[in-house]
Amino acid sequence: MRYEQGERQVWRVVNVPSVEAEDQRHLHRDLETLKRERPSTTTRIKGLLSSQGIQVTSLTKLPEQLDALRLWDGSPIPPGLRQRVLRVYAHHQFLSEQIAQVEAERRALLDDSTDSSIDKIRQLMMLKGIGINGSWLLVMEFFGWREFTNRREVGGLAGFTPTPYQSGESAREQGISKSGNRHVRWMTTELAWSWLRYQPDSALSEWFRERFGNGGKRLRRIGIVAVARKLLIALWRFLETGVLPEGAVLKTG
């Protein structure tokens, strides 16, 4: 009753996603898992072969390559090792097929769906430097169903919130809280690097160059987190109002 009468500090309202919004997260999370698993199979294959002094630069037509590969003394690969490598290779191919299927499903939704979340993905993809992976994750995890009222909520929910420490005369900054959505925080940081490359004339890129451009690697890593927070807020405003981030350009064609 107190909250409805205007005392907004009594509690914080938690927005629970709908069943549909929660279900939409599975597509990109499944794709992320598959892409994370596939490199491990490549590493296992190369590791098994390198234990016998054999190196391969590509897994293309690996079964045919195994027939031609030889050990140091000219003998063929032992049958036990060959079968083990082929089993790992079969798993690698299975993961590749799964990735292709998920990407095809995502592309079909992007082409044909009339859902409002898909419209937001298309809108983000209009910006140069932002592709389907970044826009899909940000919308399905963040912008598709959540209702933000200010930039502090956007930064806080992503974990881009500073955590100052102060005790007596001692005061220092402990970095960001990292208490928000890790998927969004990781992707936004990746998009921040892409933004600096493909939107070099934007106000955000100029701000980064002025503040951190002449610093070392550590300072640039700190700076890119600040860029990520500002970029996330700018993208939220772009989706809400349609106003481009200052100095940003759209894709051509």
Protein backbone atom coordinates (compact mmCIF):
# COMPACT_ATOMS: atom_id res chain seq x y z
CA MET A 1 0.00 0.00 0.00
CA ARG A 2 2.83 2.40 0.82
CA TYR A 3 4.54 1.64 -2.50
CA GLU A 4 1.36 2.22 -4.50
CA GLN A 5 0.82 5.52 -2.67
CA GLY A 6 4.17 6.83 -3.86
CA GLU A 7 6.84 5.63 -1.41
CA ARG A 8 9.10 4.18 -4.10
CA GLN A 9 11.97 3.44 -1.70
CA VAL A 10 9.96 0.92 0.34
CA TRP A 11 11.21 -1.90 -1.91
CA ARG A 12 12.50 -2.64 -5.37
CA VAL A 13 10.16 -4.33 -7.83
CA VAL A 14 11.68 -7.40 -9.48
CA ASN A 15 10.62 -7.86 -13.09
CA VAL A 16 10.28 -11.59 -13.76
CA PRO A 17 10.62 -12.63 -17.41
CA SER A 18 7.71 -14.32 -19.08
CA VAL A 19 7.90 -17.95 -20.13
CA GLU A 20 8.38 -16.82 -23.73
CA ALA A 21 11.17 -14.36 -22.87
CA GLU A 22 12.98 -16.97 -20.80
CA ASP A 23 12.61 -19.53 -23.58
CA GLN A 24 14.15 -17.17 -26.14
CA ARG A 25 17.45 -17.27 -24.25
CA HIS A 26 18.09 -20.92 -25.07
CA LEU A 27 18.97 -20.39 -28.74
CA HIS A 28 21.98 -18.10 -28.26
CA ARG A 29 23.09 -19.83 -25.07
CA ASP A 30 23.05 -23.18 -26.83
CA LEU A 31 25.09 -21.69 -29.66
CA GLU A 32 27.57 -20.25 -27.17
CA THR A 33 27.98 -23.65 -25.50
CA LEU A 34 28.51 -25.44 -28.82
CA LYS A 35 31.11 -22.92 -29.96
CA ARG A 36 32.92 -23.25 -26.64
CA GLU A 37 33.01 -27.05 -26.89
CA ARG A 38 34.22 -27.33 -30.50
CA PRO A 39 37.74 -25.88 -29.97
CA SER A 40 38.37 -28.47 -27.26
CA THR A 41 37.94 -31.25 -29.81
CA THR A 42 40.45 -29.58 -32.12
CA THR A 43 42.92 -29.31 -29.27
CA ARG A 44 42.45 -32.98 -28.35
CA ILE A 45 43.06 -34.15 -31.91
CA LYS A 46 46.19 -32.07 -32.31
CA GLY A 47 47.39 -33.16 -28.87
CA LEU A 48 46.94 -36.86 -29.64
CA LEU A 49 48.85 -36.54 -32.91
CA SER A 50 51.61 -34.35 -31.48
CA SER A 51 52.33 -37.04 -28.89
CA GLN A 52 53.63 -39.08 -31.84
CA GLY A 53 55.49 -36.16 -33.38
CA ILE A 54 52.80 -35.45 -35.99
CA GLN A 55 51.38 -32.01 -36.67
CA VAL A 56 48.29 -31.06 -38.67
CA THR A 57 47.40 -27.50 -39.62
CA SER A 58 43.81 -28.19 -40.64
CA LEU A 59 41.12 -30.73 -39.83
CA THR A 60 39.71 -30.61 -43.34
CA LYS A 61 39.49 -34.17 -44.69
CA LEU A 62 41.24 -35.50 -41.59
CA PRO A 63 40.47 -39.19 -42.28
CA GLU A 64 42.29 -38.92 -45.62
CA GLN A 65 45.17 -37.12 -43.95
CA LEU A 66 45.59 -39.92 -41.42
CA ASP A 67 46.20 -42.39 -44.25
CA ALA A 68 49.11 -40.31 -45.52
CA LEU A 69 50.65 -39.32 -42.18
CA ARG A 70 53.65 -41.27 -40.93
CA LEU A 71 55.58 -41.52 -37.68
CA TRP A 72 59.24 -40.58 -37.40
CA ASP A 73 60.36 -43.99 -38.65
CA GLY A 74 57.98 -43.97 -41.62
CA SER A 75 55.44 -46.36 -40.11
CA PRO A 76 51.69 -45.59 -40.25
CA ILE A 77 49.72 -44.30 -37.30
CA PRO A 78 48.92 -47.14 -34.82
CA PRO A 79 45.33 -48.40 -35.19
CA GLY A 80 44.35 -47.62 -31.59
CA LEU A 81 45.44 -44.00 -31.91
CA ARG A 82 43.81 -43.72 -35.32
CA GLN A 83 40.44 -44.90 -34.02
CA ARG A 84 40.61 -42.56 -31.04
CA VAL A 85 41.40 -39.57 -33.26
CA LEU A 86 38.54 -40.48 -35.58
CA ARG A 87 36.10 -40.68 -32.67
CA VAL A 88 37.11 -37.22 -31.50
CA TYR A 89 36.87 -36.00 -35.09
CA ALA A 90 33.34 -37.39 -35.36
CA HIS A 91 32.39 -35.39 -32.27
CA HIS A 92 33.99 -32.31 -33.83
CA GLN A 93 31.90 -32.79 -36.97
CA PHE A 94 28.76 -33.31 -34.91
CA LEU A 95 29.33 -30.02 -33.09
CA SER A 96 29.91 -28.23 -36.39
CA GLU A 97 26.63 -29.58 -37.73
CA GLN A 98 24.80 -28.50 -34.59
CA ILE A 99 26.27 -24.99 -34.82
CA ALA A 100 25.18 -24.73 -38.45
CA GLN A 101 21.65 -25.83 -37.56
CA VAL A 102 21.32 -23.35 -34.70
CA GLU A 103 22.68 -20.51 -36.84
CA ALA A 104 20.25 -21.42 -39.64
CA GLU A 105 17.36 -21.40 -37.16
CA ARG A 106 18.44 -18.01 -35.87
CA ARG A 107 18.76 -16.60 -39.38
CA ALA A 108 15.27 -17.89 -40.30
CA LEU A 109 13.79 -16.11 -37.27
CA LEU A 110 15.64 -12.93 -38.18
CA ASP A 111 14.25 -13.06 -41.72
CA ASP A 112 10.66 -14.04 -41.03
CA SER A 113 9.67 -13.32 -37.42
CA THR A 114 7.46 -10.35 -36.54
CA ASP A 115 8.24 -10.50 -32.81
CA SER A 116 9.13 -7.18 -31.20
CA SER A 117 12.40 -8.61 -29.86
CA ILE A 118 13.47 -9.55 -33.38
CA ASP A 119 12.68 -6.00 -34.50
CA LYS A 120 15.07 -4.71 -31.85
CA ILE A 121 17.76 -7.08 -33.09
CA ARG A 122 17.32 -5.77 -36.63
CA GLN A 123 17.56 -2.21 -35.29
CA LEU A 124 20.84 -2.86 -33.48
CA MET A 125 22.26 -4.60 -36.53
CA MET A 126 21.81 -1.37 -38.49
CA LEU A 127 24.73 0.09 -36.55
CA LYS A 128 28.15 -0.43 -38.06
CA GLY A 129 30.28 -2.70 -35.89
CA ILE A 130 27.39 -4.68 -34.40
CA GLY A 131 26.47 -8.05 -35.92
CA ILE A 132 23.92 -10.73 -35.30
CA ASN A 133 25.74 -12.37 -32.37
CA GLY A 134 26.03 -9.20 -30.30
CA SER A 135 22.61 -7.78 -31.10
CA TRP A 136 20.85 -11.12 -30.52
CA LEU A 137 22.43 -11.66 -27.11
CA LEU A 138 21.85 -8.10 -25.90
CA VAL A 139 18.18 -8.15 -26.87
CA MET A 140 17.32 -11.64 -25.65
CA GLU A 141 19.21 -11.26 -22.37
CA PHE A 142 18.67 -7.59 -21.70
CA PHE A 143 16.65 -5.25 -23.87
CA GLY A 144 13.91 -7.60 -25.05
CA TRP A 145 11.81 -7.73 -21.91
CA ARG A 146 13.39 -5.62 -19.18
CA GLU A 147 12.10 -2.13 -18.47
CA PHE A 148 14.83 0.37 -17.61
CA THR A 149 14.08 3.85 -16.33
CA ASN A 150 17.59 5.34 -16.25
CA ARG A 151 21.20 4.68 -17.20
CA ARG A 152 22.15 3.58 -13.69
CA GLU A 153 19.79 0.63 -13.91
CA VAL A 154 21.31 -0.37 -17.26
CA GLY A 155 24.88 -0.25 -15.96
CA GLY A 156 24.01 -1.88 -12.66
CA LEU A 157 22.17 -4.83 -14.15
CA ALA A 158 25.12 -5.56 -16.43
CA GLY A 159 27.58 -5.40 -13.52
CA PHE A 160 29.29 -2.24 -14.79
CA THR A 161 28.92 -0.55 -11.42
CA PRO A 162 31.97 0.89 -9.61
CA THR A 163 32.76 -0.45 -6.14
CA PRO A 164 34.64 2.20 -4.19
CA TYR A 165 36.28 1.28 -0.88
CA GLN A 166 36.76 3.81 1.89
CA SER A 167 37.99 3.24 5.45
CA GLY A 168 39.29 6.15 7.47
CA GLU A 169 41.77 8.02 5.32
CA SER A 170 42.11 5.11 2.88
CA ALA A 171 40.04 5.29 -0.29
CA ARG A 172 40.46 3.35 -3.50
CA GLU A 173 38.47 2.00 -6.42
CA GLN A 174 38.01 -1.80 -6.52
CA GLY A 175 36.78 -2.00 -10.13
CA ILE A 176 33.34 -2.98 -11.34
CA SER A 177 30.97 -5.08 -9.25
CA LYS A 178 30.52 -7.91 -11.83
CA SER A 179 27.28 -8.74 -10.06
CA GLY A 180 25.06 -8.47 -13.12
CA ASN A 181 24.44 -10.56 -16.22
CA ARG A 182 27.80 -12.06 -17.21
CA HIS A 183 26.66 -12.83 -20.76
CA VAL A 184 25.81 -9.18 -21.38
CA ARG A 185 28.95 -7.92 -19.68
CA TRP A 186 31.20 -10.17 -21.78
CA MET A 187 29.47 -9.37 -25.07
CA THR A 188 29.36 -5.63 -24.44
CA THR A 189 33.09 -5.61 -23.74
CA GLU A 190 33.70 -7.41 -27.05
CA LEU A 191 31.40 -4.95 -28.83
CA ALA A 192 33.32 -2.06 -27.27
CA TRP A 193 36.52 -3.16 -29.04
CA SER A 194 34.55 -3.58 -32.27
CA TRP A 195 33.01 -0.14 -31.81
CA LEU A 196 36.44 1.51 -31.60
CA ARG A 197 37.39 -0.17 -34.88
CA TYR A 198 34.25 0.37 -36.95
CA GLN A 199 33.02 3.63 -35.40
CA PRO A 200 36.31 5.57 -35.11
CA ASP A 201 34.66 8.96 -35.57
CA SER A 202 32.02 8.49 -32.89
CA ALA A 203 32.13 10.56 -29.72
CA LEU A 204 32.68 7.44 -27.65
CA SER A 205 35.74 6.37 -29.68
CA GLU A 206 37.20 9.88 -29.47
CA TRP A 207 36.66 9.90 -25.71
CA PHE A 208 38.54 6.61 -25.38
CA ARG A 209 41.49 7.86 -27.45
CA GLU A 210 41.73 11.07 -25.42
CA ARG A 211 41.56 9.32 -22.06
CA PHE A 212 43.33 6.01 -22.66
CA GLY A 213 44.86 6.09 -26.13
CA ASN A 214 48.37 6.89 -24.92
CA GLY A 215 48.32 4.48 -21.98
CA GLY A 216 49.65 0.96 -21.66
CA LYS A 217 47.77 -2.33 -22.00
CA ARG A 218 46.47 -2.24 -18.42
CA LEU A 219 45.10 1.27 -18.80
CA ARG A 220 43.46 0.37 -22.11
CA ARG A 221 41.78 -2.65 -20.51
CA ILE A 222 40.40 -0.40 -17.82
CA GLY A 223 39.28 2.08 -20.44
CA ILE A 224 37.47 -0.49 -22.54
CA VAL A 225 35.26 -1.40 -19.58
CA ALA A 226 34.27 2.25 -19.30
CA VAL A 227 33.55 2.29 -23.03
CA ALA A 228 31.45 -0.87 -22.66
CA ARG A 229 29.28 0.75 -20.00
CA LYS A 230 28.78 3.92 -22.03
CA LEU A 231 28.07 1.87 -25.16
CA LEU A 232 25.45 -0.27 -23.43
CA ILE A 233 23.65 2.85 -22.24
CA ALA A 234 23.87 4.42 -25.71
CA LEU A 235 22.39 1.28 -27.31
CA TRP A 236 19.55 1.29 -24.79
CA ARG A 237 18.75 4.90 -25.68
CA PHE A 238 18.97 4.05 -29.38
CA LEU A 239 16.38 1.29 -28.96
CA GLU A 240 14.12 3.40 -26.80
CA THR A 241 14.24 6.68 -28.74
CA GLY A 242 15.77 5.83 -32.12
CA VAL A 243 18.46 8.49 -31.63
CA LEU A 244 21.86 7.35 -32.91
CA PRO A 245 24.82 7.40 -30.52
CA GLU A 246 26.71 10.63 -31.10
CA GLY A 247 28.88 10.39 -34.20
CA ALA A 248 27.82 6.82 -35.01
CA VAL A 249 27.05 5.72 -38.56
CA LEU A 250 24.74 3.09 -39.98
CA LYS A 251 25.70 0.26 -42.28
CA THR A 252 25.48 0.91 -45.99
CA GLY A 253 23.47 -1.18 -48.41
